[in-house]
């Protein structure tokens, strides 16, 4: 075997990321398409087109997007229950609870 295929069965490809997973991951992180593009080193148009299901970007670019999301705490689950979650190590900002809203923090 050659290359970096540690943990992957011979002949098996590294897990891909679906457009829906990318959108959901950005939502969990509160990132815009521009945020993901900047953090992954990819073009914002690539992020927009990939998430909309247009084109067929090179796997290296999809991996760059996935790597940026993973680095921010996103955990990808594979079929049959394909989805995304935020790792417990990365706290989720729940924002301000309704009972704590004031005229100063409701903007």
C-alpha atoms as a PDB file:
ATOM      1  CA  UNK A   1       0.000   0.000   0.000  1.00  0.00           C
ATOM      2  CA  UNK A   2       1.174   3.510  -0.739  1.00  0.00           C
ATOM      3  CA  UNK A   3      -0.001   6.937   0.335  1.00  0.00           C
ATOM      4  CA  UNK A   4      -1.821   7.917   3.473  1.00  0.00           C
ATOM      5  CA  UNK A   5      -4.511   5.289   3.782  1.00  0.00           C
ATOM      6  CA  UNK A   6      -4.128   4.535   7.458  1.00  0.00           C
ATOM      7  CA  UNK A   7      -7.440   3.353   8.871  1.00  0.00           C
ATOM      8  CA  UNK A   8      -8.970   2.833   5.419  1.00  0.00           C
ATOM      9  CA  UNK A   9      -9.428  -0.629   3.979  1.00  0.00           C
ATOM     10  CA  UNK A  10      -7.422  -1.396   0.875  1.00  0.00           C
ATOM     11  CA  UNK A  11      -9.284  -0.117  -2.174  1.00  0.00           C
ATOM     12  CA  UNK A  12     -11.703   1.951  -0.090  1.00  0.00           C
ATOM     13  CA  UNK A  13     -11.894   5.692  -0.533  1.00  0.00           C
ATOM     14  CA  UNK A  14     -11.836   8.166   2.314  1.00  0.00           C
ATOM     15  CA  UNK A  15     -15.352   9.148   3.343  1.00  0.00           C
ATOM     16  CA  UNK A  16     -16.882  11.918   1.254  1.00  0.00           C
ATOM     17  CA  UNK A  17     -18.942  14.839   2.481  1.00  0.00           C
ATOM     18  CA  UNK A  18     -22.358  15.528   1.024  1.00  0.00           C
ATOM     19  CA  UNK A  19     -23.593  19.037   0.216  1.00  0.00           C
ATOM     20  CA  UNK A  20     -26.259  18.643   2.914  1.00  0.00           C
ATOM     21  CA  UNK A  21     -23.603  17.749   5.488  1.00  0.00           C
ATOM     22  CA  UNK A  22     -21.596  20.840   4.544  1.00  0.00           C
ATOM     23  CA  UNK A  23     -24.646  23.106   4.956  1.00  0.00           C
ATOM     24  CA  UNK A  24     -25.596  21.491   8.267  1.00  0.00           C
ATOM     25  CA  UNK A  25     -22.039  21.738   9.597  1.00  0.00           C
ATOM     26  CA  UNK A  26     -21.852  25.427   8.713  1.00  0.00           C
ATOM     27  CA  UNK A  27     -25.183  25.935  10.459  1.00  0.00           C
ATOM     28  CA  UNK A  28     -23.946  24.268  13.636  1.00  0.00           C
ATOM     29  CA  UNK A  29     -20.868  26.474  13.636  1.00  0.00           C
ATOM     30  CA  UNK A  30     -22.711  29.640  12.633  1.00  0.00           C
ATOM     31  CA  UNK A  31     -20.417  30.061   9.621  1.00  0.00           C
ATOM     32  CA  UNK A  32     -21.305  31.711   6.339  1.00  0.00           C
ATOM     33  CA  UNK A  33     -20.165  30.346   2.983  1.00  0.00           C
ATOM     34  CA  UNK A  34     -17.446  33.017   3.049  1.00  0.00           C
ATOM     35  CA  UNK A  35     -16.292  31.837   6.490  1.00  0.00           C
ATOM     36  CA  UNK A  36     -15.917  28.250   5.283  1.00  0.00           C
ATOM     37  CA  UNK A  37     -14.159  29.385   2.113  1.00  0.00           C
ATOM     38  CA  UNK A  38     -11.672  31.498   4.067  1.00  0.00           C
ATOM     39  CA  UNK A  39     -10.953  28.789   6.646  1.00  0.00           C
ATOM     40  CA  UNK A  40     -10.507  26.073   4.012  1.00  0.00           C
ATOM     41  CA  UNK A  41      -8.509  28.127   1.519  1.00  0.00           C
ATOM     42  CA  UNK A  42     -11.131  27.509  -1.172  1.00  0.00           C
ATOM     43  CA  UNK A  43     -13.114  29.928  -3.286  1.00  0.00           C
ATOM     44  CA  UNK A  44     -16.501  31.064  -1.972  1.00  0.00           C
ATOM     45  CA  UNK A  45     -18.040  30.122  -5.335  1.00  0.00           C
ATOM     46  CA  UNK A  46     -16.833  26.548  -4.834  1.00  0.00           C
ATOM     47  CA  UNK A  47     -18.555  26.382  -1.437  1.00  0.00           C
ATOM     48  CA  UNK A  48     -21.783  27.845  -2.839  1.00  0.00           C
ATOM     49  CA  UNK A  49     -21.811  25.569  -5.899  1.00  0.00           C
ATOM     50  CA  UNK A  50     -20.877  22.430  -3.949  1.00  0.00           C
ATOM     51  CA  UNK A  51     -23.591  23.015  -1.331  1.00  0.00           C
ATOM     52  CA  UNK A  52     -26.135  23.663  -4.095  1.00  0.00           C
ATOM     53  CA  UNK A  53     -25.149  20.397  -5.786  1.00  0.00           C
ATOM     54  CA  UNK A  54     -23.675  22.017  -8.895  1.00  0.00           C
ATOM     55  CA  UNK A  55     -20.587  20.742 -10.664  1.00  0.00           C
ATOM     56  CA  UNK A  56     -18.154  18.083  -9.594  1.00  0.00           C
ATOM     57  CA  UNK A  57     -15.341  19.680  -7.573  1.00  0.00           C
ATOM     58  CA  UNK A  58     -12.071  17.790  -7.186  1.00  0.00           C
ATOM     59  CA  UNK A  59     -12.005  15.543  -4.130  1.00  0.00           C
ATOM     60  CA  UNK A  60      -9.064  17.532  -2.760  1.00  0.00           C
ATOM     61  CA  UNK A  61     -11.220  20.645  -2.504  1.00  0.00           C
ATOM     62  CA  UNK A  62     -14.043  18.760  -0.803  1.00  0.00           C
ATOM     63  CA  UNK A  63     -11.480  17.333   1.616  1.00  0.00           C
ATOM     64  CA  UNK A  64     -10.210  20.862   2.333  1.00  0.00           C
ATOM     65  CA  UNK A  65     -13.768  21.927   3.212  1.00  0.00           C
ATOM     66  CA  UNK A  66     -14.282  18.838   5.360  1.00  0.00           C
ATOM     67  CA  UNK A  67     -10.948  19.336   7.094  1.00  0.00           C
ATOM     68  CA  UNK A  68     -11.795  22.941   8.022  1.00  0.00           C
ATOM     69  CA  UNK A  69     -15.135  21.811   9.453  1.00  0.00           C
ATOM     70  CA  UNK A  70     -13.576  18.896  11.325  1.00  0.00           C
ATOM     71  CA  UNK A  71     -10.933  21.213  12.764  1.00  0.00           C
ATOM     72  CA  UNK A  72     -13.706  23.396  14.159  1.00  0.00           C
ATOM     73  CA  UNK A  73     -15.289  20.449  15.973  1.00  0.00           C
ATOM     74  CA  UNK A  74     -17.666  18.938  13.430  1.00  0.00           C
ATOM     75  CA  UNK A  75     -18.018  15.155  13.567  1.00  0.00           C
ATOM     76  CA  UNK A  76     -19.317  13.453  10.421  1.00  0.00           C
ATOM     77  CA  UNK A  77     -21.438  10.310  10.635  1.00  0.00           C
ATOM     78  CA  UNK A  78     -21.589   8.010   7.649  1.00  0.00           C
ATOM     79  CA  UNK A  79     -24.448   6.038   6.087  1.00  0.00           C
ATOM     80  CA  UNK A  80     -26.906   4.707   6.965  1.00  0.00           C
ATOM     81  CA  UNK A  81     -27.306   7.592   9.466  1.00  0.00           C
ATOM     82  CA  UNK A  82     -25.364  10.219   7.520  1.00  0.00           C
ATOM     83  CA  UNK A  83     -25.224  13.554   9.322  1.00  0.00           C
ATOM     84  CA  UNK A  84     -23.108  15.934  11.386  1.00  0.00           C
ATOM     85  CA  UNK A  85     -22.766  16.815  15.051  1.00  0.00           C
ATOM     86  CA  UNK A  86     -20.628  19.195  17.037  1.00  0.00           C
ATOM     87  CA  UNK A  87     -18.128  17.435  19.271  1.00  0.00           C
ATOM     88  CA  UNK A  88     -18.597  17.864  22.992  1.00  0.00           C
ATOM     89  CA  UNK A  89     -15.073  19.245  23.236  1.00  0.00           C
ATOM     90  CA  UNK A  90     -16.235  22.321  21.311  1.00  0.00           C
ATOM     91  CA  UNK A  91     -18.909  24.067  23.338  1.00  0.00           C
ATOM     92  CA  UNK A  92     -21.975  25.356  21.585  1.00  0.00           C
ATOM     93  CA  UNK A  93     -22.877  28.964  22.214  1.00  0.00           C
ATOM     94  CA  UNK A  94     -26.555  28.794  23.030  1.00  0.00           C
ATOM     95  CA  UNK A  95     -26.859  32.558  22.838  1.00  0.00           C
ATOM     96  CA  UNK A  96     -28.950  34.505  25.303  1.00  0.00           C
ATOM     97  CA  UNK A  97     -31.919  32.751  26.822  1.00  0.00           C
ATOM     98  CA  UNK A  98     -35.276  34.449  26.368  1.00  0.00           C
ATOM     99  CA  UNK A  99     -35.643  35.074  30.098  1.00  0.00           C
ATOM    100  CA  UNK A 100     -32.302  36.917  30.113  1.00  0.00           C
ATOM    101  CA  UNK A 101     -33.039  39.272  27.233  1.00  0.00           C
ATOM    102  CA  UNK A 102     -32.862  42.981  27.944  1.00  0.00           C
ATOM    103  CA  UNK A 103     -32.940  46.038  25.734  1.00  0.00           C
ATOM    104  CA  UNK A 104     -29.129  45.919  25.825  1.00  0.00           C
ATOM    105  CA  UNK A 105     -28.643  42.327  24.617  1.00  0.00           C
ATOM    106  CA  UNK A 106     -31.645  41.691  22.339  1.00  0.00           C
ATOM    107  CA  UNK A 107     -29.939  42.976  19.188  1.00  0.00           C
END
